[in-house]
Amino acid sequence: MKKIISLILATLCILTVFTGCNNNPDDTPTTEPVAQVMTQEDFKFVMLDDGTAKIIGYTKTQAPTDLKIPAYLNGAKVTVIGENTFTSEHQLINVELSRFITKIEPKAFNKSTLKSIKFLNSSIETLESYTFNECDNLVQVVFNNSVKHLKDHAFYLGKMPRVIHFYSDPVEISATFLDTGKSYEHLEFKHHGDISDFPNVENYANLFEVDLVLVEKTS
């Protein structure tokens, strides 16, 4: 009898071990939770893992002519403008970025009628590839001291006159941050300082034979 009881207990122990293995949490399929889309001040946005907000769209049929990106949505800092957020916006002309923006995803302004964008208050260090894909009306871009890297094809422009302001010399300028496949009637690089402070921009301007315009430092 003792042998039978021992055999039964041993069998139960073995079954318990195998059952536990089959229920390993690591083997259970998991799905990423879908971020809840919220709206405020005519913007669609989602909350990111770091507690900041990412703008992903506009609630109205068309964005306004002059658009200021808010610094806060739902009490959270707005740090990202998502991919295709303002794609094919046909009324958008001027955009001013808020101070907490650290990233604009590729094609955020894809094929929009944007003419001017100012980075003066933003915290963006890298301008991603195709950020301003086919923004054929883009005339003026004003960077601030934060912008350090301009990636390949960050701009994909047409033939209209262009003015790009640099307040400091970027650490890294891609050889094709402007799409060299398109011709330019006129392109100006404006600097706030002496040309010796902007060797990267000067080299780029000389390489592609574009006009280089110096602007005196502002107080």
C-alpha atoms as a PDB file:
ATOM      1  CA  MET A   1       0.000   0.000   0.000  1.00  0.00           C
ATOM      2  CA  LYS A   2       2.816   2.400   0.855  1.00  0.00           C
ATOM      3  CA  LYS A   3       4.363   1.782  -2.557  1.00  0.00           C
ATOM      4  CA  ILE A   4       1.064   2.585  -4.286  1.00  0.00           C
ATOM      5  CA  ILE A   5       0.646   5.817  -2.312  1.00  0.00           C
ATOM      6  CA  SER A   6       4.236   6.827  -3.080  1.00  0.00           C
ATOM      7  CA  LEU A   7       3.660   6.141  -6.795  1.00  0.00           C
ATOM      8  CA  ILE A   8       0.493   8.275  -6.815  1.00  0.00           C
ATOM      9  CA  LEU A   9       2.255  11.183  -5.055  1.00  0.00           C
ATOM     10  CA  ALA A  10       5.182  11.011  -7.479  1.00  0.00           C
ATOM     11  CA  THR A  11       2.785  11.086 -10.445  1.00  0.00           C
ATOM     12  CA  LEU A  12       0.983  14.119  -9.020  1.00  0.00           C
ATOM     13  CA  CYS A  13       4.308  15.952  -8.547  1.00  0.00           C
ATOM     14  CA  ILE A  14       5.292  15.286 -12.176  1.00  0.00           C
ATOM     15  CA  LEU A  15       1.915  16.540 -13.461  1.00  0.00           C
ATOM     16  CA  THR A  16       2.246  19.671 -11.333  1.00  0.00           C
ATOM     17  CA  VAL A  17       5.672  20.452 -12.822  1.00  0.00           C
ATOM     18  CA  PHE A  18       4.443  20.072 -16.422  1.00  0.00           C
ATOM     19  CA  THR A  19       1.297  22.077 -15.743  1.00  0.00           C
ATOM     20  CA  GLY A  20       3.407  24.886 -14.295  1.00  0.00           C
ATOM     21  CA  CYS A  21       5.609  24.887 -17.385  1.00  0.00           C
ATOM     22  CA  ASN A  22       2.610  25.118 -19.691  1.00  0.00           C
ATOM     23  CA  ASN A  23       1.372  28.160 -17.782  1.00  0.00           C
ATOM     24  CA  ASN A  24       4.653  30.058 -18.026  1.00  0.00           C
ATOM     25  CA  PRO A  25       3.706  33.745 -18.368  1.00  0.00           C
ATOM     26  CA  ASP A  26       6.512  34.212 -20.908  1.00  0.00           C
ATOM     27  CA  ASP A  27       4.724  31.818 -23.273  1.00  0.00           C
ATOM     28  CA  THR A  28       1.437  33.715 -23.118  1.00  0.00           C
ATOM     29  CA  PRO A  29       0.827  35.887 -26.224  1.00  0.00           C
ATOM     30  CA  THR A  30       0.650  39.565 -25.386  1.00  0.00           C
ATOM     31  CA  THR A  31      -0.578  42.589 -27.360  1.00  0.00           C
ATOM     32  CA  GLU A  32       0.558  46.179 -27.043  1.00  0.00           C
ATOM     33  CA  PRO A  33      -2.165  48.431 -25.649  1.00  0.00           C
ATOM     34  CA  VAL A  34      -3.551  50.905 -28.168  1.00  0.00           C
ATOM     35  CA  ALA A  35      -2.887  54.493 -27.157  1.00  0.00           C
ATOM     36  CA  GLN A  36      -6.039  56.480 -26.499  1.00  0.00           C
ATOM     37  CA  VAL A  37      -6.515  59.352 -28.924  1.00  0.00           C
ATOM     38  CA  MET A  38      -7.565  62.567 -27.182  1.00  0.00           C
ATOM     39  CA  THR A  39      -8.540  65.991 -28.483  1.00  0.00           C
ATOM     40  CA  GLN A  40      -7.943  69.490 -27.167  1.00  0.00           C
ATOM     41  CA  GLU A  41      -7.575  72.909 -28.812  1.00  0.00           C
ATOM     42  CA  ASP A  42      -8.435  71.319 -32.192  1.00  0.00           C
ATOM     43  CA  PHE A  43      -5.464  68.921 -31.930  1.00  0.00           C
ATOM     44  CA  LYS A  44      -5.560  65.128 -31.821  1.00  0.00           C
ATOM     45  CA  PHE A  45      -2.876  63.681 -29.567  1.00  0.00           C
ATOM     46  CA  VAL A  46      -1.762  60.640 -27.603  1.00  0.00           C
ATOM     47  CA  MET A  47       0.158  60.361 -24.373  1.00  0.00           C
ATOM     48  CA  LEU A  48       3.667  58.900 -24.566  1.00  0.00           C
ATOM     49  CA  ASP A  49       5.325  56.595 -22.037  1.00  0.00           C
ATOM     50  CA  ASP A  50       7.372  59.465 -20.624  1.00  0.00           C
ATOM     51  CA  GLY A  51       4.226  61.407 -19.740  1.00  0.00           C
ATOM     52  CA  THR A  52       4.496  63.895 -22.608  1.00  0.00           C
ATOM     53  CA  ALA A  53       2.097  64.382 -25.504  1.00  0.00           C
ATOM     54  CA  LYS A  54       2.460  63.626 -29.220  1.00  0.00           C
ATOM     55  CA  ILE A  55       0.297  65.498 -31.722  1.00  0.00           C
ATOM     56  CA  ILE A  56      -1.039  63.150 -34.418  1.00  0.00           C
ATOM     57  CA  GLY A  57      -3.673  65.197 -36.212  1.00  0.00           C
ATOM     58  CA  TYR A  58      -6.011  68.163 -36.422  1.00  0.00           C
ATOM     59  CA  THR A  59      -9.702  67.871 -35.640  1.00  0.00           C
ATOM     60  CA  LYS A  60     -11.003  70.423 -38.147  1.00  0.00           C
ATOM     61  CA  THR A  61     -11.214  69.893 -41.898  1.00  0.00           C
ATOM     62  CA  GLN A  62      -8.268  72.212 -42.492  1.00  0.00           C
ATOM     63  CA  ALA A  63      -5.589  73.649 -40.245  1.00  0.00           C
ATOM     64  CA  PRO A  64      -5.535  77.456 -39.972  1.00  0.00           C
ATOM     65  CA  THR A  65      -3.256  79.687 -42.026  1.00  0.00           C
ATOM     66  CA  ASP A  66      -1.166  80.611 -38.977  1.00  0.00           C
ATOM     67  CA  LEU A  67      -0.622  77.740 -36.570  1.00  0.00           C
ATOM     68  CA  LYS A  68       1.073  77.814 -33.175  1.00  0.00           C
ATOM     69  CA  ILE A  69       1.872  74.410 -31.710  1.00  0.00           C
ATOM     70  CA  PRO A  70       0.736  74.461 -28.058  1.00  0.00           C
ATOM     71  CA  ALA A  71       3.251  73.909 -25.289  1.00  0.00           C
ATOM     72  CA  TYR A  72       0.794  71.792 -23.271  1.00  0.00           C
ATOM     73  CA  LEU A  73      -2.111  69.466 -24.008  1.00  0.00           C
ATOM     74  CA  ASN A  74      -4.044  67.793 -21.209  1.00  0.00           C
ATOM     75  CA  GLY A  75      -1.505  69.319 -18.823  1.00  0.00           C
ATOM     76  CA  ALA A  76       1.360  67.451 -20.502  1.00  0.00           C
ATOM     77  CA  LYS A  77       4.288  68.951 -22.399  1.00  0.00           C
ATOM     78  CA  VAL A  78       3.941  68.580 -26.170  1.00  0.00           C
ATOM     79  CA  THR A  79       7.217  67.029 -27.377  1.00  0.00           C
ATOM     80  CA  VAL A  80       6.487  65.325 -30.704  1.00  0.00           C
ATOM     81  CA  ILE A  81       4.672  66.098 -33.957  1.00  0.00           C
ATOM     82  CA  GLY A  82       3.788  62.745 -35.495  1.00  0.00           C
ATOM     83  CA  GLU A  83       4.195  61.395 -39.015  1.00  0.00           C
ATOM     84  CA  ASN A  84       1.635  62.739 -41.534  1.00  0.00           C
ATOM     85  CA  THR A  85       0.032  65.002 -38.910  1.00  0.00           C
ATOM     86  CA  PHE A  86      -0.345  67.872 -41.377  1.00  0.00           C
ATOM     87  CA  THR A  87      -0.198  65.964 -44.668  1.00  0.00           C
ATOM     88  CA  SER A  88      -1.840  67.790 -47.600  1.00  0.00           C
ATOM     89  CA  GLU A  89      -2.972  70.743 -45.502  1.00  0.00           C
ATOM     90  CA  HIS A  90      -3.932  73.283 -48.180  1.00  0.00           C
ATOM     91  CA  GLN A  91      -4.426  76.362 -45.996  1.00  0.00           C
ATOM     92  CA  LEU A  92      -1.414  76.048 -43.706  1.00  0.00           C
ATOM     93  CA  ILE A  93       1.092  78.861 -44.301  1.00  0.00           C
ATOM     94  CA  ASN A  94       3.031  79.695 -41.118  1.00  0.00           C
ATOM     95  CA  VAL A  95       3.965  77.397 -38.216  1.00  0.00           C
ATOM     96  CA  GLU A  96       5.603  78.335 -34.921  1.00  0.00           C
ATOM     97  CA  LEU A  97       6.879  75.487 -32.767  1.00  0.00           C
ATOM     98  CA  SER A  98       6.509  75.462 -28.995  1.00  0.00           C
ATOM     99  CA  ARG A  99       9.458  75.256 -26.614  1.00  0.00           C
ATOM    100  CA  PHE A 100       9.160  71.597 -25.607  1.00  0.00           C
ATOM    101  CA  ILE A 101       9.120  70.116 -29.111  1.00  0.00           C
ATOM    102  CA  THR A 102      12.063  67.699 -29.418  1.00  0.00           C
ATOM    103  CA  LYS A 103      11.082  65.774 -32.562  1.00  0.00           C
ATOM    104  CA  ILE A 104       9.199  66.176 -35.815  1.00  0.00           C
ATOM    105  CA  GLU A 105       8.631  62.779 -37.399  1.00  0.00           C
ATOM    106  CA  PRO A 106       9.200  62.159 -41.140  1.00  0.00           C
ATOM    107  CA  LYS A 107       6.500  63.564 -43.455  1.00  0.00           C
ATOM    108  CA  ALA A 108       4.810  65.443 -40.621  1.00  0.00           C
ATOM    109  CA  PHE A 109       4.145  68.278 -43.095  1.00  0.00           C
ATOM    110  CA  ASN A 110       4.027  66.066 -46.184  1.00  0.00           C
ATOM    111  CA  LYS A 111       2.762  67.926 -49.299  1.00  0.00           C
ATOM    112  CA  SER A 112       1.365  70.807 -47.275  1.00  0.00           C
ATOM    113  CA  THR A 113       1.227  74.429 -48.447  1.00  0.00           C
ATOM    114  CA  LEU A 114       3.543  75.482 -45.616  1.00  0.00           C
ATOM    115  CA  LYS A 115       5.563  78.607 -46.469  1.00  0.00           C
ATOM    116  CA  SER A 116       7.329  79.437 -43.216  1.00  0.00           C
ATOM    117  CA  ILE A 117       8.331  77.531 -40.089  1.00  0.00           C
ATOM    118  CA  LYS A 118      10.221  78.849 -37.071  1.00  0.00           C
ATOM    119  CA  PHE A 119      12.187  76.679 -34.638  1.00  0.00           C
ATOM    120  CA  LEU A 120      13.075  79.604 -32.370  1.00  0.00           C
ATOM    121  CA  ASN A 121      11.517  78.208 -29.182  1.00  0.00           C
ATOM    122  CA  SER A 122      11.812  74.470 -29.847  1.00  0.00           C
ATOM    123  CA  SER A 123      14.295  71.936 -28.442  1.00  0.00           C
ATOM    124  CA  ILE A 124      14.826  69.961 -31.654  1.00  0.00           C
ATOM    125  CA  GLU A 125      18.385  68.731 -32.201  1.00  0.00           C
ATOM    126  CA  THR A 126      17.874  66.576 -35.314  1.00  0.00           C
ATOM    127  CA  LEU A 127      15.808  67.297 -38.398  1.00  0.00           C
ATOM    128  CA  GLU A 128      14.698  63.885 -39.658  1.00  0.00           C
ATOM    129  CA  SER A 129      14.684  62.721 -43.285  1.00  0.00           C
ATOM    130  CA  TYR A 130      11.635  63.825 -45.301  1.00  0.00           C
ATOM    131  CA  THR A 131      10.282  66.023 -42.503  1.00  0.00           C
ATOM    132  CA  PHE A 132       9.190  68.548 -45.130  1.00  0.00           C
ATOM    133  CA  ASN A 133       8.634  66.138 -47.998  1.00  0.00           C
ATOM    134  CA  GLU A 134       7.291  67.913 -51.122  1.00  0.00           C
ATOM    135  CA  CYS A 135       6.527  71.176 -49.361  1.00  0.00           C
ATOM    136  CA  ASP A 136       6.895  73.032 -52.638  1.00  0.00           C
ATOM    137  CA  ASN A 137       5.786  76.385 -51.206  1.00  0.00           C
ATOM    138  CA  LEU A 138       8.289  76.442 -48.352  1.00  0.00           C
ATOM    139  CA  VAL A 139      10.132  79.763 -48.534  1.00  0.00           C
ATOM    140  CA  GLN A 140      11.549  80.435 -45.078  1.00  0.00           C
ATOM    141  CA  VAL A 141      13.014  78.206 -42.381  1.00  0.00           C
ATOM    142  CA  VAL A 142      14.418  79.750 -39.205  1.00  0.00           C
ATOM    143  CA  PHE A 143      16.504  77.433 -37.024  1.00  0.00           C
ATOM    144  CA  ASN A 144      17.685  78.118 -33.483  1.00  0.00           C
ATOM    145  CA  ASN A 145      20.799  77.079 -31.565  1.00  0.00           C
ATOM    146  CA  SER A 146      19.385  73.636 -30.710  1.00  0.00           C
ATOM    147  CA  VAL A 147      19.431  72.227 -34.248  1.00  0.00           C
ATOM    148  CA  LYS A 148      22.665  70.212 -34.646  1.00  0.00           C
ATOM    149  CA  HIS A 149      21.925  67.587 -37.315  1.00  0.00           C
ATOM    150  CA  LEU A 150      20.221  67.872 -40.713  1.00  0.00           C
ATOM    151  CA  LYS A 151      19.576  64.417 -42.197  1.00  0.00           C
ATOM    152  CA  ASP A 152      19.310  63.314 -45.839  1.00  0.00           C
ATOM    153  CA  HIS A 153      16.377  64.811 -47.732  1.00  0.00           C
ATOM    154  CA  ALA A 154      15.034  66.680 -44.720  1.00  0.00           C
ATOM    155  CA  PHE A 155      13.665  69.078 -47.323  1.00  0.00           C
ATOM    156  CA  TYR A 156      12.272  68.095 -50.683  1.00  0.00           C
ATOM    157  CA  LEU A 157      11.701  71.443 -52.342  1.00  0.00           C
ATOM    158  CA  GLY A 158      10.581  72.966 -55.627  1.00  0.00           C
ATOM    159  CA  LYS A 159      12.034  75.838 -57.616  1.00  0.00           C
ATOM    160  CA  MET A 160      10.819  78.843 -55.623  1.00  0.00           C
ATOM    161  CA  PRO A 161      13.266  81.194 -53.829  1.00  0.00           C
ATOM    162  CA  ARG A 162      14.426  79.837 -50.474  1.00  0.00           C
ATOM    163  CA  VAL A 163      15.801  81.443 -47.352  1.00  0.00           C
ATOM    164  CA  ILE A 164      17.254  79.333 -44.537  1.00  0.00           C
ATOM    165  CA  HIS A 165      18.386  81.082 -41.348  1.00  0.00           C
ATOM    166  CA  PHE A 166      21.039  79.550 -39.101  1.00  0.00           C
ATOM    167  CA  TYR A 167      21.675  81.003 -35.653  1.00  0.00           C
ATOM    168  CA  SER A 168      24.487  78.513 -35.036  1.00  0.00           C
ATOM    169  CA  ASP A 169      26.516  76.150 -37.185  1.00  0.00           C
ATOM    170  CA  PRO A 170      25.073  72.602 -37.161  1.00  0.00           C
ATOM    171  CA  VAL A 171      27.444  69.848 -36.091  1.00  0.00           C
ATOM    172  CA  GLU A 172      26.396  67.628 -38.975  1.00  0.00           C
ATOM    173  CA  ILE A 173      24.879  68.633 -42.312  1.00  0.00           C
ATOM    174  CA  SER A 174      24.041  65.799 -44.662  1.00  0.00           C
ATOM    175  CA  ALA A 175      25.294  66.326 -48.206  1.00  0.00           C
ATOM    176  CA  THR A 176      21.709  65.878 -49.365  1.00  0.00           C
ATOM    177  CA  PHE A 177      19.696  67.546 -46.608  1.00  0.00           C
ATOM    178  CA  LEU A 178      18.256  69.503 -49.518  1.00  0.00           C
ATOM    179  CA  ASP A 179      17.162  67.369 -52.437  1.00  0.00           C
ATOM    180  CA  THR A 180      19.878  68.120 -54.983  1.00  0.00           C
ATOM    181  CA  GLY A 181      17.847  66.365 -57.656  1.00  0.00           C
ATOM    182  CA  LYS A 182      15.742  69.517 -57.979  1.00  0.00           C
ATOM    183  CA  SER A 183      17.044  72.773 -59.368  1.00  0.00           C
ATOM    184  CA  TYR A 184      16.978  76.013 -57.415  1.00  0.00           C
ATOM    185  CA  GLU A 185      16.423  79.432 -58.898  1.00  0.00           C
ATOM    186  CA  HIS A 186      17.785  80.977 -55.731  1.00  0.00           C
ATOM    187  CA  LEU A 187      18.731  79.768 -52.270  1.00  0.00           C
ATOM    188  CA  GLU A 188      20.022  81.866 -49.404  1.00  0.00           C
ATOM    189  CA  PHE A 189      21.699  80.741 -46.196  1.00  0.00           C
ATOM    190  CA  LYS A 190      21.433  83.466 -43.587  1.00  0.00           C
ATOM    191  CA  HIS A 191      23.721  83.538 -40.554  1.00  0.00           C
ATOM    192  CA  HIS A 192      23.675  85.485 -37.336  1.00  0.00           C
ATOM    193  CA  GLY A 193      27.378  86.009 -36.868  1.00  0.00           C
ATOM    194  CA  ASP A 194      30.699  86.029 -38.665  1.00  0.00           C
ATOM    195  CA  ILE A 195      31.252  83.553 -41.506  1.00  0.00           C
ATOM    196  CA  SER A 196      34.098  81.961 -39.533  1.00  0.00           C
ATOM    197  CA  ASP A 197      31.467  80.802 -37.020  1.00  0.00           C
ATOM    198  CA  PHE A 198      29.666  78.775 -39.695  1.00  0.00           C
ATOM    199  CA  PRO A 199      32.204  76.609 -41.574  1.00  0.00           C
ATOM    200  CA  ASN A 200      29.749  73.742 -42.178  1.00  0.00           C
ATOM    201  CA  VAL A 201      27.144  75.953 -43.784  1.00  0.00           C
ATOM    202  CA  GLU A 202      29.784  77.840 -45.772  1.00  0.00           C
ATOM    203  CA  ASN A 203      31.194  74.589 -47.171  1.00  0.00           C
ATOM    204  CA  TYR A 204      27.731  73.378 -48.098  1.00  0.00           C
ATOM    205  CA  ALA A 205      26.888  76.649 -49.849  1.00  0.00           C
ATOM    206  CA  ASN A 206      30.148  76.582 -51.817  1.00  0.00           C
ATOM    207  CA  LEU A 207      29.724  72.949 -52.797  1.00  0.00           C
ATOM    208  CA  PHE A 208      26.301  73.484 -54.323  1.00  0.00           C
ATOM    209  CA  GLU A 209      26.944  77.029 -55.538  1.00  0.00           C
ATOM    210  CA  VAL A 210      24.094  78.646 -53.644  1.00  0.00           C
ATOM    211  CA  ASP A 211      23.974  82.193 -52.376  1.00  0.00           C
ATOM    212  CA  LEU A 212      25.290  82.774 -48.883  1.00  0.00           C
ATOM    213  CA  VAL A 213      23.860  85.776 -47.043  1.00  0.00           C
ATOM    214  CA  LEU A 214      25.244  86.962 -43.710  1.00  0.00           C
ATOM    215  CA  VAL A 215      23.023  88.594 -41.119  1.00  0.00           C
ATOM    216  CA  GLU A 216      24.571  90.486 -38.227  1.00  0.00           C
ATOM    217  CA  LYS A 217      24.127  89.157 -34.717  1.00  0.00           C
ATOM    218  CA  THR A 218      21.040  90.403 -32.966  1.00  0.00           C
ATOM    219  CA  SER A 219      21.109  91.694 -29.413  1.00  0.00           C
END
